[in-house]
N, C-alpha and C. Protein backbone atom coordinates (compact mmCIF):
# COMPACT_ATOMS: atom_id res chain seq x y z
N UNK A 1 -7.78 -45.07 2.46
CA UNK A 1 -6.49 -44.78 1.97
C UNK A 1 -6.59 -43.43 2.55
N UNK A 2 -5.37 -42.62 3.09
CA UNK A 2 -5.09 -41.69 3.72
C UNK A 2 -4.76 -40.57 2.37
N UNK A 3 -4.87 -39.37 2.38
CA UNK A 3 -4.44 -38.65 1.23
C UNK A 3 -3.12 -38.20 1.87
N UNK A 4 -2.26 -38.05 0.57
CA UNK A 4 -1.23 -37.59 0.40
C UNK A 4 -0.25 -36.33 1.31
N UNK A 5 -1.03 -35.17 1.09
CA UNK A 5 -0.83 -33.82 1.64
C UNK A 5 -2.11 -33.74 2.61
N UNK A 6 -1.75 -32.79 4.21
CA UNK A 6 -2.34 -32.49 4.94
C UNK A 6 -3.60 -31.79 4.39
N UNK A 7 -4.66 -31.45 4.83
CA UNK A 7 -5.46 -30.63 4.14
C UNK A 7 -5.18 -29.18 4.81
N UNK A 8 -5.68 -28.34 3.81
CA UNK A 8 -4.95 -26.97 4.38
C UNK A 8 -6.89 -26.08 4.56
N UNK A 9 -6.88 -25.46 5.66
CA UNK A 9 -7.85 -24.52 6.07
C UNK A 9 -8.53 -23.94 5.12
N UNK A 10 -9.48 -23.76 4.55
CA UNK A 10 -10.60 -23.05 3.91
C UNK A 10 -10.23 -21.48 4.61
N UNK A 11 -9.99 -20.36 3.32
CA UNK A 11 -10.15 -19.53 3.71
C UNK A 11 -11.36 -18.62 4.28
N UNK A 12 -11.42 -17.78 5.12
CA UNK A 12 -12.79 -17.24 5.38
C UNK A 12 -13.02 -16.25 4.41
N UNK A 13 -14.23 -15.75 4.38
CA UNK A 13 -14.35 -14.50 3.48
C UNK A 13 -13.80 -13.28 3.79
N UNK A 14 -13.65 -12.77 5.29
CA UNK A 14 -12.90 -11.97 5.21
C UNK A 14 -11.42 -11.99 4.69
N UNK A 15 -10.88 -13.19 4.76
CA UNK A 15 -9.28 -13.59 4.44
C UNK A 15 -9.02 -13.04 2.91
N UNK A 16 -10.14 -13.66 2.03
CA UNK A 16 -10.46 -13.58 0.94
C UNK A 16 -10.47 -12.12 0.01
N UNK A 17 -11.25 -11.20 0.88
CA UNK A 17 -11.66 -10.05 0.58
C UNK A 17 -10.37 -9.10 1.22
N UNK A 18 -9.44 -9.54 1.90
CA UNK A 18 -8.55 -8.75 2.29
C UNK A 18 -7.36 -8.98 1.56
N UNK A 19 -7.21 -9.98 0.80
CA UNK A 19 -6.14 -10.24 -0.39
C UNK A 19 -6.47 -9.38 -1.53
N UNK A 20 -7.74 -9.50 -1.79
CA UNK A 20 -8.52 -9.00 -2.93
C UNK A 20 -8.26 -7.26 -2.61
N UNK A 21 -8.42 -6.96 -1.64
CA UNK A 21 -8.36 -5.49 -1.00
C UNK A 21 -6.85 -5.09 -1.19
N UNK A 22 -5.91 -5.96 -1.14
CA UNK A 22 -3.97 -5.67 -0.56
C UNK A 22 -3.74 -5.60 -2.69
N UNK A 23 -4.37 -6.54 -2.76
CA UNK A 23 -4.26 -6.58 -4.55
C UNK A 23 -4.85 -5.31 -5.04
N UNK A 24 -5.72 -4.72 -4.86
CA UNK A 24 -6.43 -3.60 -5.60
C UNK A 24 -5.22 -2.22 -5.19
N UNK A 25 -4.76 -2.40 -3.92
CA UNK A 25 -3.85 -0.98 -3.09
C UNK A 25 -2.55 -1.48 -3.99
N UNK A 26 -2.58 -2.45 -4.38
CA UNK A 26 -0.96 -3.00 -4.91
C UNK A 26 -0.67 -2.78 -6.36
N UNK A 27 -2.09 -2.56 -7.04
CA UNK A 27 -2.23 -2.18 -8.28
C UNK A 27 -1.92 -0.62 -8.35
N UNK A 28 -2.30 0.28 -7.64
CA UNK A 28 -2.54 1.68 -7.35
C UNK A 28 -1.18 1.94 -7.04
N UNK A 29 -0.72 1.26 -5.90
CA UNK A 29 1.07 1.50 -6.00
C UNK A 29 1.65 1.36 -7.02
N UNK A 30 1.28 0.59 -7.74
CA UNK A 30 2.23 0.63 -9.15
C UNK A 30 2.13 1.18 -9.96
N UNK A 31 0.71 1.96 -9.85
CA UNK A 31 0.64 3.37 -10.91
C UNK A 31 1.12 4.59 -10.17
N UNK A 32 1.28 4.62 -8.98
CA UNK A 32 1.93 5.58 -8.36
C UNK A 32 3.60 5.72 -8.85
N UNK A 33 4.00 4.48 -8.71
CA UNK A 33 5.25 4.35 -8.83
C UNK A 33 5.64 4.32 -10.63
N UNK A 34 4.84 4.08 -11.23
CA UNK A 34 5.07 4.28 -12.81
C UNK A 34 5.08 5.81 -13.28
N UNK A 35 4.02 6.68 -12.48
CA UNK A 35 3.84 8.00 -12.63
C UNK A 35 5.27 8.81 -12.19
N UNK A 36 5.40 8.36 -10.71
CA UNK A 36 6.92 9.02 -10.35
C UNK A 36 7.97 8.85 -11.60
N UNK A 37 8.14 7.29 -12.08
CA UNK A 37 9.34 7.25 -13.06
C UNK A 37 9.16 8.03 -14.41
N UNK A 38 7.75 8.42 -14.48
CA UNK A 38 7.92 8.87 -15.82
C UNK A 38 7.93 10.18 -15.98
N UNK A 39 7.93 11.11 -14.56
CA UNK A 39 8.10 12.30 -14.39
C UNK A 39 9.44 12.19 -14.49
N UNK A 40 10.04 11.75 -13.75
CA UNK A 40 11.75 11.32 -13.65
C UNK A 40 12.49 11.49 -14.81
N UNK A 41 12.07 11.01 -15.70
CA UNK A 41 12.83 10.36 -16.98
C UNK A 41 11.98 11.17 -17.73
N UNK A 42 11.39 12.41 -17.93
CA UNK A 42 10.71 13.33 -18.77
C UNK A 42 9.64 12.89 -19.32
N UNK A 43 8.90 11.84 -19.31
CA UNK A 43 7.73 11.40 -20.12
C UNK A 43 6.70 12.11 -20.19
N UNK A 44 6.56 12.55 -19.13
CA UNK A 44 5.31 13.10 -18.44
C UNK A 44 5.48 15.10 -18.21
N UNK A 45 4.45 15.87 -18.20
CA UNK A 45 4.80 17.01 -17.82
C UNK A 45 5.76 17.66 -18.96
N UNK A 46 5.85 17.15 -20.30
CA UNK A 46 6.47 18.09 -21.06
C UNK A 46 8.05 18.10 -20.85
N UNK A 47 8.46 16.87 -20.08
CA UNK A 47 9.87 16.94 -19.86
C UNK A 47 10.36 17.56 -18.73
N UNK A 48 9.27 18.54 -18.07
CA UNK A 48 9.65 19.63 -17.07
C UNK A 48 10.01 19.11 -15.58
N UNK A 49 9.31 17.76 -15.44
CA UNK A 49 9.75 16.99 -14.13
C UNK A 49 10.84 16.23 -14.36
N UNK A 50 11.63 16.35 -15.19
CA UNK A 50 13.31 15.38 -15.19
C UNK A 50 13.80 15.60 -14.36
N UNK A 51 14.24 14.74 -13.70
CA UNK A 51 15.43 14.63 -12.05
C UNK A 51 16.34 15.85 -12.38
N UNK A 52 17.03 15.90 -13.28
CA UNK A 52 17.40 17.23 -13.57
C UNK A 52 17.30 18.89 -13.11
N UNK A 53 15.98 18.88 -13.46
CA UNK A 53 15.16 19.93 -13.26
C UNK A 53 14.29 20.35 -12.13
N UNK A 54 14.53 19.49 -11.56
CA UNK A 54 13.66 19.70 -10.04
C UNK A 54 14.46 20.06 -9.24
N UNK A 55 13.70 21.08 -8.34
CA UNK A 55 14.41 21.15 -7.01
C UNK A 55 14.42 20.34 -5.93
N UNK A 56 15.32 20.50 -5.18
CA UNK A 56 15.92 19.70 -4.08
C UNK A 56 15.10 19.04 -3.18
N UNK A 57 13.78 19.49 -2.71
CA UNK A 57 12.99 18.39 -1.95
C UNK A 57 12.49 17.41 -3.16
N UNK A 58 12.18 18.03 -4.22
CA UNK A 58 11.58 17.05 -5.56
C UNK A 58 12.26 15.90 -5.86
N UNK A 59 13.74 16.61 -5.71
CA UNK A 59 15.13 15.36 -6.21
C UNK A 59 15.12 14.47 -4.91
N UNK A 60 14.76 14.69 -3.65
CA UNK A 60 14.58 13.51 -2.38
C UNK A 60 13.12 12.80 -2.64
N UNK A 61 12.48 13.61 -2.98
CA UNK A 61 10.89 12.79 -2.53
C UNK A 61 10.60 11.81 -3.83
N UNK A 62 10.59 12.44 -4.99
CA UNK A 62 10.28 11.65 -6.41
C UNK A 62 11.17 10.14 -6.24
N UNK A 63 12.15 10.51 -6.23
CA UNK A 63 13.04 9.07 -6.36
C UNK A 63 12.72 8.00 -5.66
N UNK A 64 12.39 8.43 -4.14
CA UNK A 64 12.54 7.68 -3.28
C UNK A 64 11.08 6.88 -3.38
N UNK A 65 10.31 8.02 -3.83
CA UNK A 65 8.79 6.96 -3.91
C UNK A 65 8.68 6.40 -5.27
N UNK A 66 9.40 6.45 -6.20
CA UNK A 66 9.48 5.87 -7.64
C UNK A 66 10.11 4.38 -7.33
N UNK A 67 10.82 4.54 -6.22
CA UNK A 67 11.47 3.38 -6.00
C UNK A 67 10.41 2.45 -4.76
N UNK A 68 10.02 3.27 -3.96
CA UNK A 68 9.28 2.72 -2.29
C UNK A 68 7.91 1.91 -3.49
N UNK A 69 7.27 2.75 -4.31
CA UNK A 69 6.25 2.25 -4.43
C UNK A 69 5.95 0.67 -5.18
N UNK A 70 6.61 1.03 -6.14
CA UNK A 70 6.90 -0.77 -6.92
C UNK A 70 7.02 -1.69 -5.79
N UNK A 71 7.74 -1.49 -5.15
CA UNK A 71 8.41 -2.59 -4.10
C UNK A 71 7.40 -3.11 -3.28
N UNK A 72 6.78 -1.89 -2.50
CA UNK A 72 5.87 -1.96 -1.54
C UNK A 72 4.29 -2.60 -2.34
N UNK A 73 4.28 -2.24 -3.80
CA UNK A 73 3.17 -2.84 -4.68
C UNK A 73 3.08 -4.38 -4.74
N UNK A 74 4.69 -4.71 -4.81
CA UNK A 74 5.21 -6.30 -4.96
C UNK A 74 4.67 -6.77 -3.78
N UNK A 75 4.92 -6.35 -2.39
CA UNK A 75 4.61 -6.97 -1.26
C UNK A 75 3.38 -7.04 -0.80
N UNK A 76 2.41 -5.86 -1.50
CA UNK A 76 1.35 -6.22 -1.55
C UNK A 76 0.60 -7.03 -1.97
N UNK A 77 1.12 -7.62 -3.51
CA UNK A 77 0.29 -8.10 -4.38
C UNK A 77 0.78 -9.85 -3.86
N UNK A 78 2.04 -9.97 -2.99
CA UNK A 78 1.97 -11.28 -2.49
C UNK A 78 1.63 -11.30 -1.06
N UNK A 79 0.86 -10.51 -0.67
CA UNK A 79 0.15 -10.46 0.76
C UNK A 79 1.00 -10.81 1.91
N UNK A 80 2.52 -10.14 1.73
CA UNK A 80 3.38 -10.48 2.77
C UNK A 80 3.61 -9.20 3.60
N UNK A 81 4.10 -9.75 4.99
CA UNK A 81 3.71 -8.71 6.19
C UNK A 81 4.50 -7.59 5.69
N UNK A 82 5.37 -7.78 4.93
CA UNK A 82 6.63 -6.06 4.52
C UNK A 82 5.79 -5.07 3.51
N UNK A 83 4.77 -5.68 2.90
CA UNK A 83 3.76 -4.95 1.96
C UNK A 83 3.29 -3.87 2.68
N UNK A 84 2.39 -3.93 3.68
CA UNK A 84 1.59 -2.80 3.80
C UNK A 84 3.13 -2.03 4.99
N UNK A 85 3.79 -2.49 5.26
CA UNK A 85 4.68 -1.74 5.82
C UNK A 85 5.33 -0.35 5.07
N UNK A 86 5.61 -1.17 3.82
CA UNK A 86 6.28 -0.33 2.84
C UNK A 86 5.02 0.46 2.64
N UNK A 87 4.18 0.16 2.17
CA UNK A 87 3.22 0.95 1.61
C UNK A 87 2.98 2.33 2.75
N UNK A 88 2.59 1.90 3.74
CA UNK A 88 2.59 2.92 5.14
C UNK A 88 3.30 3.93 4.86
N UNK A 89 4.70 3.72 4.80
CA UNK A 89 6.30 4.38 4.45
C UNK A 89 6.00 5.24 3.36
N UNK A 90 5.48 4.63 2.46
CA UNK A 90 5.28 5.54 1.11
C UNK A 90 4.10 6.65 1.51
N UNK A 91 2.80 6.09 2.18
CA UNK A 91 1.59 6.98 2.32
C UNK A 91 1.69 8.13 3.35
N UNK A 92 3.10 7.55 4.24
CA UNK A 92 3.44 8.68 5.44
C UNK A 92 4.17 10.17 4.48
N UNK A 93 5.37 9.38 3.47
CA UNK A 93 5.94 10.12 2.74
C UNK A 93 5.06 11.45 2.18
N UNK A 94 3.99 10.58 1.28
CA UNK A 94 3.24 11.36 0.59
C UNK A 94 2.25 12.40 1.32
N UNK A 95 1.83 12.23 2.80
CA UNK A 95 0.91 12.65 3.52
C UNK A 95 1.79 14.03 3.86
N UNK A 96 3.14 13.82 4.30
CA UNK A 96 3.91 14.80 4.41
C UNK A 96 3.96 15.85 3.60
N UNK A 97 4.28 15.09 2.37
CA UNK A 97 4.68 16.32 1.03
C UNK A 97 3.71 17.10 0.79
N UNK A 98 2.22 16.49 0.50
CA UNK A 98 1.17 17.05 0.02
C UNK A 98 0.27 17.99 1.46
N UNK A 99 0.22 17.41 2.46
CA UNK A 99 -0.34 18.16 3.44
C UNK A 99 0.63 19.31 4.47
N UNK A 100 1.64 18.82 4.86
CA UNK A 100 2.39 19.78 5.63
C UNK A 100 3.07 20.40 5.02
N UNK A 101 4.18 19.73 4.21
CA UNK A 101 4.91 20.64 3.35
C UNK A 101 4.14 21.23 1.63
N UNK A 102 2.81 21.54 1.83
CA UNK A 102 2.21 21.66 0.62
C UNK A 102 2.97 22.90 -0.24
N UNK A 103 3.46 23.77 0.66
CA UNK A 103 3.69 25.07 0.13
C UNK A 103 4.84 24.69 -1.01
N UNK A 104 5.75 23.61 -0.72
CA UNK A 104 6.78 23.14 -1.24
C UNK A 104 6.38 22.04 -2.45
N UNK A 105 5.16 21.48 -2.49
CA UNK A 105 5.07 19.88 -3.08
C UNK A 105 4.05 20.43 -3.64
N UNK A 106 3.18 21.20 -3.37
CA UNK A 106 1.90 21.50 -3.78
C UNK A 106 0.92 20.56 -2.99
N UNK A 107 -0.55 21.16 -3.19
CA UNK A 107 -1.40 20.05 -2.56
C UNK A 107 -2.19 19.17 -3.30
N UNK A 108 -2.40 17.86 -2.72
CA UNK A 108 -3.06 16.75 -3.75
C UNK A 108 -4.08 16.20 -3.13
N UNK A 109 -5.23 16.56 -3.00
CA UNK A 109 -6.56 16.37 -2.11
C UNK A 109 -6.91 14.71 -2.35
N UNK A 110 -6.68 14.21 -3.52
CA UNK A 110 -6.95 13.16 -4.17
C UNK A 110 -6.18 11.83 -3.26
N UNK A 111 -5.21 12.25 -3.37
CA UNK A 111 -3.64 11.00 -2.73
C UNK A 111 -3.96 11.07 -1.58
N UNK A 112 -4.27 11.90 -0.74
CA UNK A 112 -4.41 12.36 0.75
C UNK A 112 -5.98 11.30 0.78
N UNK A 113 -6.67 12.02 0.14
CA UNK A 113 -7.97 11.27 0.36
C UNK A 113 -7.94 9.63 0.14
N UNK A 114 -7.07 9.11 -0.79
CA UNK A 114 -6.87 7.92 -0.85
C UNK A 114 -6.01 7.02 -0.13
N UNK A 115 -5.21 7.65 0.70
CA UNK A 115 -4.47 7.14 1.89
C UNK A 115 -5.48 6.78 2.80
N UNK A 116 -6.13 7.81 3.29
CA UNK A 116 -7.08 7.91 4.05
C UNK A 116 -7.90 6.67 4.36
N UNK A 117 -8.73 6.50 3.05
CA UNK A 117 -9.32 5.62 3.01
C UNK A 117 -9.12 3.99 2.92
N UNK A 118 -7.40 3.95 2.34
CA UNK A 118 -7.37 2.86 2.38
C UNK A 118 -6.44 2.70 3.85
N UNK A 119 -6.05 3.58 4.88
CA UNK A 119 -5.96 3.30 5.98
C UNK A 119 -6.91 2.76 6.94
N UNK A 120 -8.11 3.45 6.74
CA UNK A 120 -9.47 3.35 7.66
C UNK A 120 -9.98 1.26 7.01
N UNK A 121 -9.64 1.49 5.80
CA UNK A 121 -10.00 -0.27 5.51
C UNK A 121 -9.06 -1.08 5.86
N UNK A 122 -7.93 -0.87 6.05
CA UNK A 122 -6.93 -2.07 6.48
C UNK A 122 -7.28 -1.76 7.91
N UNK A 123 -7.22 -0.70 8.79
CA UNK A 123 -7.81 -1.31 10.07
C UNK A 123 -9.05 -1.65 10.20
N UNK A 124 -10.20 -1.74 9.44
CA UNK A 124 -11.35 -2.32 9.70
C UNK A 124 -10.98 -3.99 9.29
N UNK A 125 -10.44 -4.34 8.45
CA UNK A 125 -10.03 -5.43 7.96
C UNK A 125 -9.30 -6.16 9.30
N UNK A 126 -8.12 -5.29 10.17
CA UNK A 126 -7.60 -6.30 11.01
C UNK A 126 -8.81 -5.81 12.37
N UNK A 127 -9.78 -5.27 12.60
CA UNK A 127 -10.84 -5.44 14.02
C UNK A 127 -11.62 -6.94 13.69
N UNK A 128 -11.64 -6.89 11.98
CA UNK A 128 -12.54 -8.22 11.95
C UNK A 128 -11.52 -9.58 11.76
N UNK A 129 -10.45 -9.34 11.90
CA UNK A 129 -9.56 -10.74 11.92
C UNK A 129 -9.47 -10.85 13.33
N UNK A 130 -9.52 -9.98 14.03
CA UNK A 130 -9.05 -9.86 15.62
C UNK A 130 -10.24 -10.60 16.03
N UNK A 131 -11.55 -10.10 15.88
CA UNK A 131 -13.08 -10.77 16.22
C UNK A 131 -13.08 -12.29 15.74
N UNK A 132 -12.76 -12.36 14.21
CA UNK A 132 -12.36 -13.80 14.22
C UNK A 132 -11.74 -14.57 15.00
N UNK A 133 -10.62 -14.26 15.50
CA UNK A 133 -9.55 -14.85 16.29
C UNK A 133 -10.32 -15.21 17.70
N UNK A 134 -11.06 -13.90 17.86
CA UNK A 134 -11.79 -13.84 19.51
C UNK A 134 -12.82 -14.93 19.39
N UNK A 135 -13.73 -14.78 18.28
CA UNK A 135 -14.89 -15.76 18.51
C UNK A 135 -14.39 -17.35 17.93
N UNK A 136 -12.81 -17.59 17.24
CA UNK A 136 -12.97 -19.15 17.42
C UNK A 136 -11.85 -19.57 18.34
N UNK A 137 -11.29 -18.63 19.29
CA UNK A 137 -10.89 -18.78 20.66
C UNK A 137 -11.95 -19.14 21.42
N UNK A 138 -13.12 -18.57 21.53
CA UNK A 138 -14.27 -18.84 22.39
C UNK A 138 -14.77 -20.30 22.03
N UNK A 139 -14.89 -20.68 20.83
CA UNK A 139 -15.55 -22.05 20.28
C UNK A 139 -14.62 -23.32 20.55
N UNK A 140 -13.44 -23.02 21.01
CA UNK A 140 -12.61 -23.83 21.39
C UNK A 140 -12.68 -24.27 22.94
N UNK A 141 -13.02 -25.33 23.38
CA UNK A 141 -13.45 -25.44 24.86
C UNK A 141 -11.95 -26.35 25.48
N UNK A 142 -11.62 -26.21 26.30
CA UNK A 142 -10.68 -27.10 26.93
C UNK A 142 -11.13 -28.57 27.45
N UNK A 143 -10.19 -29.58 27.33
CA UNK A 143 -10.67 -31.17 27.52
C UNK A 143 -10.97 -31.20 29.13
């Protein structure tokens, strides 16, 4: 008797670890988004970070990141292609904020280090996927 549905190929260990990695980054992105929202509505920093009290650069950056991080978190959690793209956009914005424009936004070494580690791990996963695809292609022999 034939099965009703086609068999789904098993995921490799690299694919399972990659999804786990994306979900950990997604939780961190959600946390970043919550921090920005808490600041903007006056819940943290004793109300000093409310939107109406911020300087113009912060009024541009904080709401953008408050929206971008949770949406990137959703994309990373679902492991869809636009998740890492939105995360990269948010990471670039924070890199510019805390590195290039540190005199305006202040320095935040932890955030910069976090984004660097995530970028390095993402690159290593992409190399691992490329090597797996190459090995799989070498195993297939033409008839």
